[in-house]
Amino acid sequence: MSLAQNIQNAWNKQAKWLVVLRPLSWIYQAGFQFNKKMFDAGLKTRYTAPVPVLIIGNITVGGSGKTPLLIHLVKYLQRKNVRVGVISRGYGGQGPFPAAVTLDALPEIVGDEPCLIVQSTEVPMVVGSNRQASIELLLKHHQLDLIISDDGLQHWALARQLEWIVLDRNRGLGNQKLLPEGFLREPVERLAHSTVIEHAETPQSEFNMHLQVGEPYLLNPVFDQVEMLDLNQDYYAVVGIGFPQRFYTTLESIGLHHFQCHEFPDHHDYEIDDLQFEDSNPIITTEKDAVKLLPLLKKHPDFNREIWVVPVEAVLSDACYPLLDQQLSELGIQLS
């Protein structure tokens, strides 16, 4: 198991030994605050886009459900005739950047989450670490009313008009310590300055979401094969996401209890050997992982093990929509 996975497990268990990392957390906090003050004081340049920017992010490391939320919001805005585009860091992609994300884009070039977003919505999207360059490329080819930034909450070089923070109550805030003693990117107090969308099955806030499981499907179907998930079958749960436990809970929620966990780091670059096991039992995975596995299967057409994909979709509480409508209206964006 890698060092990153060991630390991730320690965060989830709130292991007591993490206290030895506290001096590093102090250094992280000092550097973070100094950088932000440099931007606030105008000593570092902050880019303001010519159209409003909404950042969807979190204050924790690892998955919180923000990508399903972003996909849902993009679809909602498209239905309301809002011309929306998306930018992202493109983590895991090799570039060159900035890069437009198309329907046939490869995850090793632009990243796995951008591929999933565009395949789900066909939204105009550009990725790259330089957010200004990404926005300029996006606006060069598209007339937009709003730009959504996938993550970038702590990217102070980008001015923003709106921030939606996903707070995963299912995972919690751990020991509420900053990196690396805990998994917080920012102090808990940061939540008081943005719109917080609580991700929970039993939420405490009226602004909340949960993930609804869709119908599992085969990534590599074969002719005359019955495409229905067998809940009594043994599976290999292969995942490379920020918080694997959520996927395991999802499997149990649909009645699948017989699976072996095979975890990889978030945004893992899969190789065919990662999918090889001693028996012929099928694999089950997430849509985010499937984005990377599909091109791999095309390179290895002789691979004959079933790979099942479990899709999820964000479901927002009713209160979220008038809130968003009001926020956009105040920015001069009208929804039809």
Protein backbone atom coordinates (compact mmCIF):
# COMPACT_ATOMS: atom_id res chain seq x y z
CA MET A 1 0.00 0.00 0.00
CA SER A 2 1.35 3.44 -0.95
CA LEU A 3 2.17 6.20 1.54
CA ALA A 4 -0.75 8.25 0.22
CA GLN A 5 -3.17 5.38 0.83
CA ASN A 6 -1.77 4.80 4.33
CA ILE A 7 -2.30 8.45 5.21
CA GLN A 8 -5.79 8.37 3.67
CA ASN A 9 -6.68 5.38 5.85
CA ALA A 10 -5.25 7.13 8.91
CA TRP A 11 -7.37 10.22 8.18
CA ASN A 12 -10.51 8.13 7.86
CA LYS A 13 -9.77 6.34 11.14
CA GLN A 14 -8.57 9.56 12.84
CA ALA A 15 -5.43 7.70 13.89
CA LYS A 16 -3.69 9.16 16.93
CA TRP A 17 -0.24 8.96 15.33
CA LEU A 18 -1.21 11.75 12.92
CA VAL A 19 -0.29 14.22 15.69
CA VAL A 20 3.37 13.80 14.68
CA LEU A 21 2.48 15.62 11.45
CA ARG A 22 1.20 18.71 13.28
CA PRO A 23 4.35 20.80 12.66
CA LEU A 24 3.86 20.22 8.93
CA SER A 25 0.24 21.37 9.31
CA TRP A 26 1.46 24.59 10.93
CA ILE A 27 3.77 25.18 7.98
CA TYR A 28 0.94 24.44 5.55
CA GLN A 29 -1.39 26.86 7.34
CA ALA A 30 1.22 29.63 7.45
CA GLY A 31 1.98 29.25 3.76
CA PHE A 32 -1.69 29.11 2.85
CA GLN A 33 -2.58 32.24 4.82
CA PHE A 34 0.43 34.17 3.54
CA ASN A 35 -0.46 33.36 -0.06
CA LYS A 36 -4.08 34.45 0.39
CA LYS A 37 -3.05 37.71 2.07
CA MET A 38 -0.73 38.46 -0.86
CA PHE A 39 -3.70 38.26 -3.23
CA ASP A 40 -6.01 40.18 -0.88
CA ALA A 41 -3.46 42.98 -0.60
CA GLY A 42 -2.99 43.17 -4.35
CA LEU A 43 0.65 42.09 -4.17
CA LYS A 44 -0.24 39.12 -6.37
CA THR A 45 -2.42 39.52 -9.45
CA ARG A 46 -5.93 38.09 -9.39
CA TYR A 47 -7.61 37.44 -12.75
CA THR A 48 -11.24 38.53 -13.17
CA ALA A 49 -13.03 36.87 -16.07
CA PRO A 50 -15.36 38.92 -18.31
CA VAL A 51 -18.26 36.63 -17.32
CA PRO A 52 -19.28 35.47 -13.82
CA VAL A 53 -17.49 32.48 -12.32
CA LEU A 54 -19.04 29.90 -10.00
CA ILE A 55 -16.58 27.65 -8.20
CA ILE A 56 -17.73 24.25 -7.01
CA GLY A 57 -15.24 22.86 -4.54
CA ASN A 58 -14.63 21.51 -1.08
CA ILE A 59 -12.38 22.11 1.89
CA THR A 60 -11.32 18.47 2.15
CA VAL A 61 -8.97 16.18 0.26
CA GLY A 62 -10.70 13.34 -1.51
CA GLY A 63 -14.11 12.85 -3.00
CA SER A 64 -17.07 14.79 -1.67
CA GLY A 65 -19.55 14.39 -4.53
CA LYS A 66 -18.77 17.68 -6.27
CA THR A 67 -18.40 16.17 -9.75
CA PRO A 68 -21.93 14.66 -9.75
CA LEU A 69 -23.18 18.00 -8.40
CA LEU A 70 -21.41 19.90 -11.18
CA ILE A 71 -22.87 17.60 -13.83
CA HIS A 72 -26.35 18.05 -12.39
CA LEU A 73 -26.03 21.85 -12.28
CA VAL A 74 -24.75 21.99 -15.86
CA LYS A 75 -27.76 19.98 -17.06
CA TYR A 76 -30.11 22.20 -15.07
CA LEU A 77 -28.61 25.39 -16.50
CA GLN A 78 -28.67 23.99 -20.02
CA ARG A 79 -32.40 23.30 -19.63
CA LYS A 80 -32.82 26.90 -18.46
CA ASN A 81 -31.02 28.17 -21.60
CA VAL A 82 -28.04 29.49 -19.68
CA ARG A 83 -24.91 29.35 -21.81
CA VAL A 84 -22.54 27.61 -19.42
CA GLY A 85 -18.95 26.47 -19.80
CA VAL A 86 -16.62 24.58 -17.45
CA ILE A 87 -12.95 24.81 -16.57
CA SER A 88 -10.89 22.38 -14.52
CA ARG A 89 -7.32 21.71 -13.48
CA GLY A 90 -7.38 18.49 -15.49
CA TYR A 91 -5.63 16.59 -12.73
CA GLY A 92 -4.07 13.37 -14.02
CA GLY A 93 -3.93 14.63 -17.60
CA GLN A 94 -0.62 15.12 -19.39
CA GLY A 95 -1.67 18.02 -21.64
CA PRO A 96 -0.47 20.08 -23.40
CA PHE A 97 -2.56 22.72 -21.64
CA PRO A 98 -4.83 24.55 -21.93
CA ALA A 99 -6.77 21.83 -23.72
CA ALA A 100 -10.36 21.71 -24.91
CA VAL A 101 -12.22 18.60 -23.76
CA THR A 102 -14.17 16.92 -26.54
CA LEU A 103 -16.36 13.83 -26.57
CA ASP A 104 -13.46 11.76 -27.88
CA ALA A 105 -10.82 13.28 -25.56
CA LEU A 106 -8.53 10.83 -23.78
CA PRO A 107 -8.32 10.85 -19.97
CA GLU A 108 -4.53 10.56 -20.07
CA ILE A 109 -4.48 13.89 -21.93
CA VAL A 110 -7.19 15.93 -20.16
CA GLY A 111 -7.97 13.94 -16.98
CA ASP A 112 -10.68 11.45 -16.06
CA GLU A 113 -13.23 13.78 -14.42
CA PRO A 114 -13.27 16.24 -17.36
CA CYS A 115 -13.96 13.34 -19.73
CA LEU A 116 -16.83 12.19 -17.53
CA ILE A 117 -18.27 15.72 -17.32
CA VAL A 118 -18.22 16.28 -21.09
CA GLN A 119 -19.50 12.80 -21.91
CA SER A 120 -22.41 13.38 -19.51
CA THR A 121 -23.32 16.92 -20.61
CA GLU A 122 -21.48 17.87 -23.85
CA VAL A 123 -20.69 21.17 -22.11
CA PRO A 124 -17.90 23.37 -23.54
CA MET A 125 -14.90 22.67 -21.32
CA VAL A 126 -11.20 23.55 -21.13
CA VAL A 127 -8.64 22.19 -18.68
CA GLY A 128 -5.26 23.42 -17.45
CA SER A 129 -3.51 24.72 -14.34
CA ASN A 130 -3.59 28.29 -15.67
CA ARG A 131 -7.25 29.18 -15.13
CA GLN A 132 -6.93 32.47 -16.99
CA ALA A 133 -5.58 30.73 -20.09
CA SER A 134 -8.37 28.14 -19.84
CA ILE A 135 -11.07 30.81 -19.62
CA GLU A 136 -9.60 32.79 -22.49
CA LEU A 137 -9.53 29.69 -24.70
CA LEU A 138 -13.09 28.82 -23.67
CA LEU A 139 -14.38 32.31 -24.49
CA LYS A 140 -12.47 32.41 -27.74
CA HIS A 141 -14.74 29.69 -29.13
CA HIS A 142 -17.96 30.07 -27.10
CA GLN A 143 -20.34 32.86 -26.09
CA LEU A 144 -21.05 32.14 -22.42
CA ASP A 145 -23.19 33.56 -19.62
CA LEU A 146 -21.48 31.65 -16.80
CA ILE A 147 -18.29 29.68 -16.20
CA ILE A 148 -18.22 26.91 -13.62
CA SER A 149 -14.85 26.00 -12.18
CA ASP A 150 -14.54 22.36 -11.19
CA ASP A 151 -12.60 22.76 -7.95
CA GLY A 152 -10.20 25.67 -7.58
CA LEU A 153 -11.70 26.88 -4.31
CA GLN A 154 -8.21 27.55 -2.96
CA HIS A 155 -6.92 28.97 -6.27
CA TRP A 156 -6.85 32.61 -5.17
CA ALA A 157 -5.45 33.80 -8.52
CA LEU A 158 -8.96 33.40 -9.95
CA ALA A 159 -11.63 35.89 -8.88
CA ARG A 160 -15.06 34.38 -8.39
CA GLN A 161 -18.56 35.72 -7.92
CA LEU A 162 -20.05 32.57 -6.39
CA GLU A 163 -18.75 29.63 -4.39
CA TRP A 164 -20.60 26.42 -3.68
CA ILE A 165 -18.82 24.15 -1.21
CA VAL A 166 -19.83 20.50 -0.96
CA LEU A 167 -19.68 19.32 2.65
CA ASP A 168 -19.75 15.54 2.86
CA ARG A 169 -21.49 14.72 6.14
CA ASN A 170 -21.23 11.00 5.35
CA ARG A 171 -17.45 11.26 5.67
CA GLY A 172 -17.37 14.17 8.08
CA LEU A 173 -14.41 16.44 8.73
CA GLY A 174 -12.23 13.83 10.40
CA ASN A 175 -10.10 15.29 13.15
CA GLN A 176 -10.78 18.81 11.76
CA LYS A 177 -7.05 19.37 11.29
CA LEU A 178 -5.33 20.90 8.28
CA LEU A 179 -3.10 18.94 5.94
CA PRO A 180 -1.28 16.69 6.54
CA GLU A 181 -2.42 15.99 10.12
CA GLY A 182 -5.98 15.95 8.83
CA PHE A 183 -7.62 16.10 5.42
CA LEU A 184 -8.78 19.73 5.56
CA ARG A 185 -7.46 22.12 2.90
CA GLU A 186 -8.87 25.07 4.82
CA PRO A 187 -10.14 25.66 8.38
CA VAL A 188 -13.76 24.80 9.14
CA GLU A 189 -14.49 28.54 9.51
CA ARG A 190 -14.22 28.82 5.71
CA LEU A 191 -17.70 27.30 5.42
CA ALA A 192 -19.24 30.48 6.84
CA HIS A 193 -18.26 32.52 3.79
CA SER A 194 -19.80 30.47 0.95
CA THR A 195 -22.90 28.55 -0.02
CA VAL A 196 -22.62 25.12 1.59
CA ILE A 197 -24.35 22.14 -0.01
CA GLU A 198 -24.56 19.38 2.55
CA HIS A 199 -24.02 15.91 1.11
CA ALA A 200 -25.87 13.57 3.45
CA GLU A 201 -28.63 11.01 3.63
CA THR A 202 -30.09 12.74 6.70
CA PRO A 203 -29.07 16.39 6.18
CA GLN A 204 -29.27 19.16 8.74
CA SER A 205 -29.40 21.98 6.18
CA GLU A 206 -32.16 22.80 3.69
CA PHE A 207 -29.45 23.09 1.02
CA ASN A 208 -28.40 19.50 0.54
CA MET A 209 -27.82 16.69 -1.92
CA HIS A 210 -27.46 12.94 -2.05
CA LEU A 211 -26.30 10.49 -4.69
CA GLN A 212 -28.90 8.31 -6.35
CA VAL A 213 -27.68 5.02 -7.77
CA GLY A 214 -28.55 4.32 -11.40
CA GLU A 215 -28.86 0.99 -13.19
CA PRO A 216 -25.49 -0.82 -13.31
CA TYR A 217 -24.29 -1.56 -16.83
CA LEU A 218 -21.57 -3.57 -18.53
CA LEU A 219 -18.60 -1.61 -19.80
CA ASN A 220 -17.59 -4.44 -22.14
CA PRO A 221 -20.77 -6.30 -23.19
CA VAL A 222 -20.58 -9.28 -25.50
CA PHE A 223 -23.15 -10.63 -27.94
CA ASP A 224 -26.09 -12.54 -26.42
CA GLN A 225 -24.96 -11.71 -22.89
CA VAL A 226 -27.61 -11.01 -20.27
CA GLU A 227 -26.83 -7.50 -19.07
CA MET A 228 -28.16 -7.70 -15.54
CA LEU A 229 -26.09 -7.46 -12.38
CA ASP A 230 -26.07 -10.69 -10.37
CA LEU A 231 -26.17 -9.69 -6.70
CA ASN A 232 -25.14 -13.20 -5.62
CA GLN A 233 -21.94 -13.14 -7.68
CA ASP A 234 -18.50 -12.43 -6.20
CA TYR A 235 -16.91 -9.25 -7.57
CA TYR A 236 -13.64 -7.37 -7.50
CA ALA A 237 -14.40 -3.77 -6.54
CA VAL A 238 -11.70 -1.84 -8.41
CA VAL A 239 -11.61 1.88 -7.57
CA GLY A 240 -9.25 4.82 -7.94
CA ILE A 241 -11.23 7.59 -6.26
CA GLY A 242 -10.68 9.96 -3.35
CA PHE A 243 -12.97 8.23 -0.85
CA PRO A 244 -13.40 4.53 -1.81
CA GLN A 245 -15.61 3.75 1.19
CA ARG A 246 -18.46 5.67 -0.43
CA PHE A 247 -18.41 3.26 -3.37
CA TYR A 248 -18.44 0.24 -1.08
CA THR A 249 -21.42 1.69 0.76
CA THR A 250 -23.13 2.24 -2.59
CA LEU A 251 -22.61 -1.43 -3.50
CA GLU A 252 -24.10 -2.54 -0.21
CA SER A 253 -27.05 -0.18 -0.71
CA ILE A 254 -28.03 -2.01 -3.91
CA GLY A 255 -27.75 -5.40 -2.21
CA LEU A 256 -24.28 -6.39 -3.38
CA HIS A 257 -22.22 -7.68 -0.47
CA HIS A 258 -19.78 -10.16 -2.01
CA PHE A 259 -16.83 -8.13 -3.23
CA GLN A 260 -13.10 -7.81 -2.63
CA CYS A 261 -11.76 -4.27 -2.39
CA HIS A 262 -8.91 -3.25 -4.67
CA GLU A 263 -8.08 0.40 -4.10
CA PHE A 264 -5.79 2.60 -6.15
CA PRO A 265 -4.82 6.27 -5.67
CA ASP A 266 -7.25 8.92 -6.89
CA HIS A 267 -6.95 9.46 -10.68
CA HIS A 268 -4.92 6.24 -10.99
CA ASP A 269 -3.53 5.47 -14.44
CA TYR A 270 -4.67 1.90 -14.92
CA GLU A 271 -2.66 -0.82 -16.60
CA ILE A 272 -4.16 -4.05 -17.82
CA ASP A 273 -2.36 -5.95 -15.03
CA ASP A 274 -4.44 -4.02 -12.50
CA LEU A 275 -7.46 -5.91 -13.81
CA GLN A 276 -5.96 -9.40 -13.75
CA PHE A 277 -6.98 -11.83 -11.01
CA GLU A 278 -6.59 -15.55 -10.43
CA ASP A 279 -10.23 -16.43 -11.17
CA SER A 280 -12.79 -15.17 -13.70
CA ASN A 281 -15.01 -13.21 -11.31
CA PRO A 282 -16.20 -9.88 -12.73
CA ILE A 283 -15.02 -6.41 -11.80
CA ILE A 284 -17.31 -3.67 -10.56
CA THR A 285 -16.27 -0.02 -10.57
CA THR A 286 -17.33 3.64 -10.75
CA GLU A 287 -18.10 5.78 -13.80
CA LYS A 288 -15.03 7.87 -13.10
CA ASP A 289 -12.83 4.77 -13.26
CA ALA A 290 -14.71 3.47 -16.30
CA VAL A 291 -13.63 6.56 -18.25
CA LYS A 292 -10.04 5.34 -17.95
CA LEU A 293 -10.77 1.64 -18.30
CA LEU A 294 -12.59 1.89 -21.62
CA PRO A 295 -9.58 3.14 -23.65
CA LEU A 296 -7.48 0.48 -21.93
CA LEU A 297 -9.89 -2.25 -23.03
CA LYS A 298 -9.70 -0.99 -26.61
CA LYS A 299 -5.94 -1.53 -26.49
CA HIS A 300 -6.47 -5.07 -25.18
CA PRO A 301 -9.37 -6.55 -27.18
CA ASP A 302 -8.57 -10.04 -25.87
CA PHE A 303 -9.51 -9.02 -22.30
CA ASN A 304 -12.67 -11.00 -21.54
CA ARG A 305 -13.49 -10.34 -17.89
CA GLU A 306 -16.81 -8.57 -17.25
CA ILE A 307 -16.52 -5.02 -15.93
CA TRP A 308 -19.67 -3.59 -14.39
CA VAL A 309 -20.16 0.13 -13.84
CA VAL A 310 -22.37 1.65 -11.15
CA PRO A 311 -23.53 5.17 -12.13
CA VAL A 312 -24.65 7.75 -9.60
CA GLU A 313 -26.51 11.01 -10.03
CA ALA A 314 -26.73 13.98 -7.69
CA VAL A 315 -30.21 14.74 -6.34
CA LEU A 316 -30.55 18.24 -4.91
CA SER A 317 -33.06 19.45 -2.36
CA ASP A 318 -35.80 21.73 -3.67
CA ALA A 319 -34.34 24.73 -1.86
CA CYS A 320 -31.14 24.65 -3.95
CA TYR A 321 -32.80 25.74 -7.20
CA PRO A 322 -34.38 29.05 -6.14
CA LEU A 323 -31.14 29.83 -4.31
CA LEU A 324 -29.12 29.35 -7.49
CA ASP A 325 -31.69 31.24 -9.56
CA GLN A 326 -31.53 34.18 -7.17
CA GLN A 327 -27.72 34.19 -7.08
CA LEU A 328 -27.50 34.17 -10.88
CA SER A 329 -30.22 36.82 -11.22
CA GLU A 330 -28.18 39.12 -8.98
CA LEU A 331 -25.33 38.66 -11.46
CA GLY A 332 -27.56 39.58 -14.38
CA ILE A 333 -28.07 36.02 -15.59
CA GLN A 334 -31.71 35.22 -16.30
CA LEU A 335 -33.02 31.67 -16.45
CA SER A 336 -35.90 30.83 -18.78
